[in-house]
Amino acid sequence: MQTTIVLPTIILNNPFLSLCPMGETVDQVWESFVKPLNDAIHLFVPTKVICTRSSKKAKWYPRHIRRALAKKRQLWRFYRKSRMIENRSLYDKQSALVKKLIYDREKQVEQSVINKAKLGSFYRFVNRKLSRKSGIGPLKADWQTCCRRHRKS
């Protein structure tokens, strides 16, 4: 506890802070004033490093959708540089195509869950779609008894 109090006072007792040298520019005086403060901040203030790449697992799409997304990003960069109407129309067409491909993929995944006809896969699918982590509990009847397996929907 005392080291955290003593060390900043040692840094703040820097001779550059107590003396105002004559003949220096305002910028030089300011730098000599700010340097010990910045050094103390770097030593004693914890920092958090933020990566630009997301650590979350990206949503996995099939190769044809990933390629369409890459082409869409490329067309956007091309439009952003040129600002031509033709490039914007190409981007809009690609964007509509990507939207349709993703919609079709989601529909295909939902259809595969339906075709499996397994209650466990249905619950896993629904739990992944929920924003809460609690999941879906067992279905209850009017008298707070668990429904039998054939009555669950």
Foldseek 3Di string as FASTA:
>chain_A
DVVLVVVLVVLCPDPLCVDDDPPDDPVVSVCSNCVSVVVNCVVPPDDDDDDPDDPDDDDDDDPVLVVLVVVLVVLVVVCVVPVDPVSVVVSVVSVVVSVVVVVVVVVVVVVVLVVVPDPVSVQVVVCVVDPDNPGDDADADPVRDGDDPVPDD
